[in-house]
C-alpha atoms as a PDB file:
ATOM      1  CA  MET A   1     -88.765   9.299  -7.090  1.00  0.00           C
ATOM      2  CA  PRO A   2     -92.197   9.240  -8.434  1.00  0.00           C
ATOM      3  CA  GLY A   3     -92.285  13.157  -9.029  1.00  0.00           C
ATOM      4  CA  ASP A   4     -89.106  12.928 -11.008  1.00  0.00           C
ATOM      5  CA  THR A   5     -90.383  10.117 -13.229  1.00  0.00           C
ATOM      6  CA  ASP A   6     -93.655  11.855 -14.176  1.00  0.00           C
ATOM      7  CA  ARG A   7     -91.579  15.289 -14.861  1.00  0.00           C
ATOM      8  CA  ALA A   8     -89.077  13.530 -16.998  1.00  0.00           C
ATOM      9  CA  TYR A   9     -92.414  11.849 -18.673  1.00  0.00           C
ATOM     10  CA  THR A  10     -94.143  15.221 -19.390  1.00  0.00           C
ATOM     11  CA  GLU A  11     -91.071  17.000 -20.347  1.00  0.00           C
ATOM     12  CA  GLY A  12     -90.035  14.430 -22.676  1.00  0.00           C
ATOM     13  CA  ARG A  13     -93.223  14.608 -24.792  1.00  0.00           C
ATOM     14  CA  GLY A  14     -94.355  17.183 -27.756  1.00  0.00           C
ATOM     15  CA  ARG A  15     -96.624  19.709 -27.317  1.00  0.00           C
ATOM     16  CA  GLY A  16    -100.246  18.189 -26.734  1.00  0.00           C
ATOM     17  CA  GLN A  17     -98.868  14.697 -25.751  1.00  0.00           C
ATOM     18  CA  ALA A  18     -99.551  14.472 -22.075  1.00  0.00           C
ATOM     19  CA  GLY A  19    -102.139  12.536 -20.761  1.00  0.00           C
ATOM     20  CA  SER A  20    -105.671  13.936 -20.568  1.00  0.00           C
ATOM     21  CA  CYS A  21    -106.196  15.354 -17.077  1.00  0.00           C
ATOM     22  CA  ILE A  22    -108.897  17.391 -15.279  1.00  0.00           C
ATOM     23  CA  ALA A  23    -108.479  19.203 -11.943  1.00  0.00           C
ATOM     24  CA  ASN A  24    -109.982  17.463  -9.010  1.00  0.00           C
ATOM     25  CA  PRO A  25    -109.800  19.741  -6.195  1.00  0.00           C
ATOM     26  CA  GLY A  26    -108.346  18.526  -3.074  1.00  0.00           C
ATOM     27  CA  ASN A  27    -106.419  15.470  -4.917  1.00  0.00           C
ATOM     28  CA  GLY A  28    -104.473  17.276  -7.520  1.00  0.00           C
ATOM     29  CA  LEU A  29    -104.982  15.829 -10.757  1.00  0.00           C
ATOM     30  CA  LEU A  30    -107.018  12.664 -11.871  1.00  0.00           C
ATOM     31  CA  GLU A  31    -106.261  11.000 -14.746  1.00  0.00           C
ATOM     32  CA  VAL A  32    -109.172  10.586 -17.044  1.00  0.00           C
ATOM     33  CA  MET A  33    -107.764   7.969 -19.585  1.00  0.00           C
ATOM     34  CA  ALA A  34    -104.320   6.607 -18.684  1.00  0.00           C
ATOM     35  CA  ARG A  35    -101.950   5.910 -21.701  1.00  0.00           C
ATOM     36  CA  TYR A  36    -100.697   2.448 -22.149  1.00  0.00           C
ATOM     37  CA  ILE A  37     -97.245   3.619 -21.420  1.00  0.00           C
ATOM     38  CA  ASP A  38     -98.346   5.233 -18.073  1.00  0.00           C
ATOM     39  CA  GLU A  39     -99.501   1.417 -16.869  1.00  0.00           C
ATOM     40  CA  ILE A  40     -96.505  -0.498 -17.706  1.00  0.00           C
ATOM     41  CA  LEU A  41     -93.412   1.694 -16.723  1.00  0.00           C
ATOM     42  CA  GLN A  42     -90.871   0.140 -14.716  1.00  0.00           C
ATOM     43  CA  PRO A  43     -89.307   2.041 -11.580  1.00  0.00           C
ATOM     44  CA  GLY A  44     -86.652   4.084 -12.844  1.00  0.00           C
ATOM     45  CA  GLU A  45     -87.893   4.116 -16.525  1.00  0.00           C
ATOM     46  CA  ARG A  46     -88.858   7.306 -18.300  1.00  0.00           C
ATOM     47  CA  VAL A  47     -90.478   8.019 -21.640  1.00  0.00           C
ATOM     48  CA  LEU A  48     -87.723  10.046 -23.949  1.00  0.00           C
ATOM     49  CA  TYR A  49     -89.738  10.486 -26.916  1.00  0.00           C
ATOM     50  CA  SER A  50     -93.516   9.774 -27.711  1.00  0.00           C
ATOM     51  CA  THR A  51     -95.318  10.061 -31.135  1.00  0.00           C
ATOM     52  CA  ASN A  52     -98.822   8.888 -32.606  1.00  0.00           C
ATOM     53  CA  ALA A  53     -99.909   7.907 -36.026  1.00  0.00           C
ATOM     54  CA  HIS A  54     -99.680  10.996 -38.295  1.00  0.00           C
ATOM     55  CA  TRP A  55    -102.978  13.177 -39.362  1.00  0.00           C
ATOM     56  CA  ILE A  56    -102.882  11.572 -42.820  1.00  0.00           C
ATOM     57  CA  PHE A  57    -105.193   8.867 -41.522  1.00  0.00           C
ATOM     58  CA  TYR A  58    -107.756  11.845 -41.725  1.00  0.00           C
ATOM     59  CA  PHE A  59    -107.138  12.414 -45.622  1.00  0.00           C
ATOM     60  CA  PRO A  60    -110.021  10.425 -46.797  1.00  0.00           C
ATOM     61  CA  ALA A  61    -112.531  12.116 -44.698  1.00  0.00           C
ATOM     62  CA  ILE A  62    -111.314  15.487 -45.640  1.00  0.00           C
ATOM     63  CA  LEU A  63    -111.593  14.669 -49.463  1.00  0.00           C
ATOM     64  CA  ALA A  64    -115.261  13.413 -48.773  1.00  0.00           C
ATOM     65  CA  TRP A  65    -116.178  16.734 -46.425  1.00  0.00           C
ATOM     66  CA  ILE A  66    -115.070  18.777 -49.623  1.00  0.00           C
ATOM     67  CA  VAL A  67    -116.912  16.527 -51.823  1.00  0.00           C
ATOM     68  CA  ALA A  68    -120.054  16.881 -49.698  1.00  0.00           C
ATOM     69  CA  ILE A  69    -119.748  20.592 -49.475  1.00  0.00           C
ATOM     70  CA  VAL A  70    -119.340  21.129 -53.057  1.00  0.00           C
ATOM     71  CA  LEU A  71    -122.394  18.775 -53.603  1.00  0.00           C
ATOM     72  CA  PHE A  72    -124.235  20.895 -51.067  1.00  0.00           C
ATOM     73  CA  ALA A  73    -123.218  23.966 -52.834  1.00  0.00           C
ATOM     74  CA  ILE A  74    -124.059  23.015 -56.416  1.00  0.00           C
ATOM     75  CA  SER A  75    -127.591  21.930 -55.046  1.00  0.00           C
ATOM     76  CA  ARG A  76    -128.141  25.653 -53.871  1.00  0.00           C
ATOM     77  CA  GLN A  77    -127.160  26.991 -56.996  1.00  0.00           C
ATOM     78  CA  THR A  78    -129.296  24.835 -59.270  1.00  0.00           C
ATOM     79  CA  ASP A  79    -132.766  25.937 -60.561  1.00  0.00           C
ATOM     80  CA  ILE A  80    -133.490  22.266 -61.685  1.00  0.00           C
ATOM     81  CA  TYR A  81    -135.598  20.452 -58.944  1.00  0.00           C
ATOM     82  CA  SER A  82    -134.270  16.962 -59.705  1.00  0.00           C
ATOM     83  CA  ILE A  83    -130.553  17.947 -59.834  1.00  0.00           C
ATOM     84  CA  MET A  84    -131.000  19.657 -56.553  1.00  0.00           C
ATOM     85  CA  ILE A  85    -132.543  16.660 -55.056  1.00  0.00           C
ATOM     86  CA  LEU A  86    -129.759  14.365 -56.435  1.00  0.00           C
ATOM     87  CA  CYS A  87    -127.121  16.732 -55.364  1.00  0.00           C
ATOM     88  CA  LEU A  88    -128.800  17.081 -51.796  1.00  0.00           C
ATOM     89  CA  PHE A  89    -128.967  13.430 -51.774  1.00  0.00           C
ATOM     90  CA  GLY A  90    -125.536  12.741 -53.022  1.00  0.00           C
ATOM     91  CA  SER A  91    -124.176  15.321 -50.186  1.00  0.00           C
ATOM     92  CA  GLY A  92    -125.838  13.669 -47.409  1.00  0.00           C
ATOM     93  CA  LEU A  93    -124.497  10.311 -48.263  1.00  0.00           C
ATOM     94  CA  VAL A  94    -121.085  11.539 -48.882  1.00  0.00           C
ATOM     95  CA  ALA A  95    -121.296  13.525 -45.671  1.00  0.00           C
ATOM     96  CA  LEU A  96    -122.058  10.102 -43.677  1.00  0.00           C
ATOM     97  CA  GLY A  97    -119.007   8.582 -45.498  1.00  0.00           C
ATOM     98  CA  ALA A  98    -117.211  11.588 -44.152  1.00  0.00           C
ATOM     99  CA  LEU A  99    -118.300  11.122 -40.708  1.00  0.00           C
ATOM    100  CA  TYR A 100    -117.428   7.269 -40.754  1.00  0.00           C
ATOM    101  CA  TRP A 101    -113.848   8.223 -42.136  1.00  0.00           C
ATOM    102  CA  THR A 102    -113.482  11.055 -39.441  1.00  0.00           C
ATOM    103  CA  VAL A 103    -114.453   8.881 -36.240  1.00  0.00           C
ATOM    104  CA  LYS A 104    -112.157   6.017 -37.780  1.00  0.00           C
ATOM    105  CA  GLY A 105    -109.521   8.064 -38.259  1.00  0.00           C
ATOM    106  CA  TRP A 106    -109.646   9.686 -34.846  1.00  0.00           C
ATOM    107  CA  PHE A 107    -110.216   6.363 -33.149  1.00  0.00           C
ATOM    108  CA  HIS A 108    -107.058   5.097 -35.000  1.00  0.00           C
ATOM    109  CA  ARG A 109    -105.077   7.994 -33.601  1.00  0.00           C
ATOM    110  CA  PHE A 110    -106.688   7.815 -29.937  1.00  0.00           C
ATOM    111  CA  THR A 111    -105.945   4.079 -29.595  1.00  0.00           C
ATOM    112  CA  THR A 112    -102.144   4.013 -31.135  1.00  0.00           C
ATOM    113  CA  GLU A 113     -99.481   4.954 -29.056  1.00  0.00           C
ATOM    114  CA  THR A 114     -95.380   4.764 -29.861  1.00  0.00           C
ATOM    115  CA  ASP A 115     -92.951   5.576 -27.172  1.00  0.00           C
ATOM    116  CA  VAL A 116     -89.221   5.297 -26.419  1.00  0.00           C
ATOM    117  CA  THR A 117     -88.138   5.251 -22.955  1.00  0.00           C
ATOM    118  CA  ASN A 118     -84.668   4.885 -21.753  1.00  0.00           C
ATOM    119  CA  LEU A 119     -85.068   1.026 -21.662  1.00  0.00           C
ATOM    120  CA  ARG A 120     -87.163   0.020 -24.599  1.00  0.00           C
ATOM    121  CA  VAL A 121     -89.413   0.680 -27.631  1.00  0.00           C
ATOM    122  CA  VAL A 122     -93.313   0.357 -26.811  1.00  0.00           C
ATOM    123  CA  HIS A 123     -95.816   0.494 -29.535  1.00  0.00           C
ATOM    124  CA  LYS A 124     -99.325  -0.192 -28.962  1.00  0.00           C
ATOM    125  CA  THR A 125    -102.518  -0.399 -31.174  1.00  0.00           C
ATOM    126  CA  GLY A 126    -106.224  -1.015 -30.530  1.00  0.00           C
ATOM    127  CA  PHE A 127    -108.749  -0.634 -27.798  1.00  0.00           C
ATOM    128  CA  ILE A 128    -110.650  -3.978 -27.221  1.00  0.00           C
ATOM    129  CA  LYS A 129    -108.487  -6.068 -29.287  1.00  0.00           C
ATOM    130  CA  ARG A 130    -104.747  -4.712 -28.072  1.00  0.00           C
ATOM    131  CA  ARG A 131    -101.843  -5.570 -30.021  1.00  0.00           C
ATOM    132  CA  THR A 132     -98.397  -4.476 -28.443  1.00  0.00           C
ATOM    133  CA  PHE A 133     -95.009  -4.614 -29.385  1.00  0.00           C
ATOM    134  CA  GLU A 134     -92.023  -3.979 -27.032  1.00  0.00           C
ATOM    135  CA  MET A 135     -88.254  -4.362 -27.661  1.00  0.00           C
ATOM    136  CA  ALA A 136     -85.477  -3.521 -25.333  1.00  0.00           C
ATOM    137  CA  LEU A 137     -83.205  -0.781 -26.848  1.00  0.00           C
ATOM    138  CA  ASP A 138     -80.057  -3.011 -26.316  1.00  0.00           C
ATOM    139  CA  LYS A 139     -81.462  -5.690 -28.741  1.00  0.00           C
ATOM    140  CA  VAL A 140     -82.317  -3.193 -31.455  1.00  0.00           C
ATOM    141  CA  GLU A 141     -80.047  -4.025 -34.542  1.00  0.00           C
ATOM    142  CA  SER A 142     -81.247  -1.215 -36.811  1.00  0.00           C
ATOM    143  CA  VAL A 143     -84.334   1.182 -37.422  1.00  0.00           C
ATOM    144  CA  ASP A 144     -85.098   1.891 -40.974  1.00  0.00           C
ATOM    145  CA  VAL A 145     -87.428   4.716 -42.221  1.00  0.00           C
ATOM    146  CA  ASP A 146     -89.489   4.544 -45.216  1.00  0.00           C
ATOM    147  CA  GLN A 147     -90.997   8.017 -46.535  1.00  0.00           C
ATOM    148  CA  THR A 148     -92.712   8.704 -49.688  1.00  0.00           C
ATOM    149  CA  ILE A 149     -92.511  11.988 -51.280  1.00  0.00           C
ATOM    150  CA  LEU A 150     -95.534  13.074 -49.812  1.00  0.00           C
ATOM    151  CA  GLY A 151     -94.646  11.473 -46.600  1.00  0.00           C
ATOM    152  CA  ARG A 152     -91.373  13.521 -46.700  1.00  0.00           C
ATOM    153  CA  ILE A 153     -93.227  16.811 -47.350  1.00  0.00           C
ATOM    154  CA  LEU A 154     -95.851  16.221 -44.433  1.00  0.00           C
ATOM    155  CA  ASN A 155     -93.138  14.558 -42.185  1.00  0.00           C
ATOM    156  CA  TYR A 156     -94.600  10.857 -41.844  1.00  0.00           C
ATOM    157  CA  GLY A 157     -93.491   7.355 -42.604  1.00  0.00           C
ATOM    158  CA  ASP A 158     -93.137   3.944 -41.808  1.00  0.00           C
ATOM    159  CA  VAL A 159     -90.355   2.998 -39.322  1.00  0.00           C
ATOM    160  CA  THR A 160     -89.164  -0.789 -39.282  1.00  0.00           C
ATOM    161  CA  ILE A 161     -87.226  -1.778 -36.276  1.00  0.00           C
ATOM    162  CA  ARG A 162     -84.892  -4.883 -36.530  1.00  0.00           C
ATOM    163  CA  GLY A 163     -83.724  -6.629 -33.177  1.00  0.00           C
ATOM    164  CA  VAL A 164     -81.091  -9.032 -32.517  1.00  0.00           C
ATOM    165  CA  GLY A 165     -82.926 -12.253 -32.032  1.00  0.00           C
ATOM    166  CA  GLU A 166     -86.361 -10.342 -31.542  1.00  0.00           C
ATOM    167  CA  GLY A 167     -87.383 -10.183 -35.474  1.00  0.00           C
ATOM    168  CA  ILE A 168     -88.814  -7.386 -37.227  1.00  0.00           C
ATOM    169  CA  GLU A 169     -91.576  -4.935 -36.773  1.00  0.00           C
ATOM    170  CA  THR A 170     -93.059  -2.129 -39.004  1.00  0.00           C
ATOM    171  CA  ILE A 171     -94.554   0.557 -37.513  1.00  0.00           C
ATOM    172  CA  LYS A 172     -96.963   2.238 -40.086  1.00  0.00           C
ATOM    173  CA  THR A 173     -97.693   6.079 -40.834  1.00  0.00           C
ATOM    174  CA  ILE A 174     -96.076   7.557 -37.657  1.00  0.00           C
ATOM    175  CA  ALA A 175     -95.425  11.203 -37.391  1.00  0.00           C
ATOM    176  CA  SER A 176     -91.894  12.477 -37.270  1.00  0.00           C
ATOM    177  CA  PRO A 177     -90.155   9.109 -38.273  1.00  0.00           C
ATOM    178  CA  LEU A 178     -86.656  10.470 -38.289  1.00  0.00           C
ATOM    179  CA  ALA A 179     -87.166  12.153 -34.740  1.00  0.00           C
ATOM    180  CA  PHE A 180     -88.516   8.830 -33.553  1.00  0.00           C
ATOM    181  CA  ARG A 181     -85.534   6.973 -35.337  1.00  0.00           C
ATOM    182  CA  SER A 182     -83.050   9.303 -33.712  1.00  0.00           C
ATOM    183  CA  SER A 183     -84.708   8.910 -30.289  1.00  0.00           C
ATOM    184  CA  ILE A 184     -84.109   5.011 -30.354  1.00  0.00           C
ATOM    185  CA  THR A 185     -80.427   5.427 -31.811  1.00  0.00           C
ATOM    186  CA  THR A 186     -79.094   8.216 -29.938  1.00  0.00           C
ATOM    187  CA  ARG A 187     -78.120   6.935 -26.159  1.00  0.00           C
END
């Protein structure tokens, strides 16, 4: 039943991970931007776990925004005109870089999907140039998690999936890698 699949799909997701929907009077909900997994689900298949790239992708942007704000604050505190202009120029330049890194991080997170269904593991990256990886759960031989110290503290890491006769795939910097591994190995 479509209703059962949809319910299991949305119930299987974490907070804030359902697709973007808007209300459409008369037609129920209209999907604004369909996720890749929505397009490829087979009859009887349901999403058990869904994750995304970790927010650490925003780290360069966060640092650049901090530097831009500090430079701007210094420009407001100094009485020397040349230092003030130099700090304002530097602040603007760093803010442009921060804006670039913010958009780049957001776009990467927006275009990356990683899901585990009751039948397979699906990972998709890219928007125009799309790269997908799918592996049947019964073909998964092992799932390895690699986390740095910072990754353990902030709960992100790399997951390597080894398949029987299907090769090796590494998914970089995903959120909650241990929960992702558990969703694959626990059946």
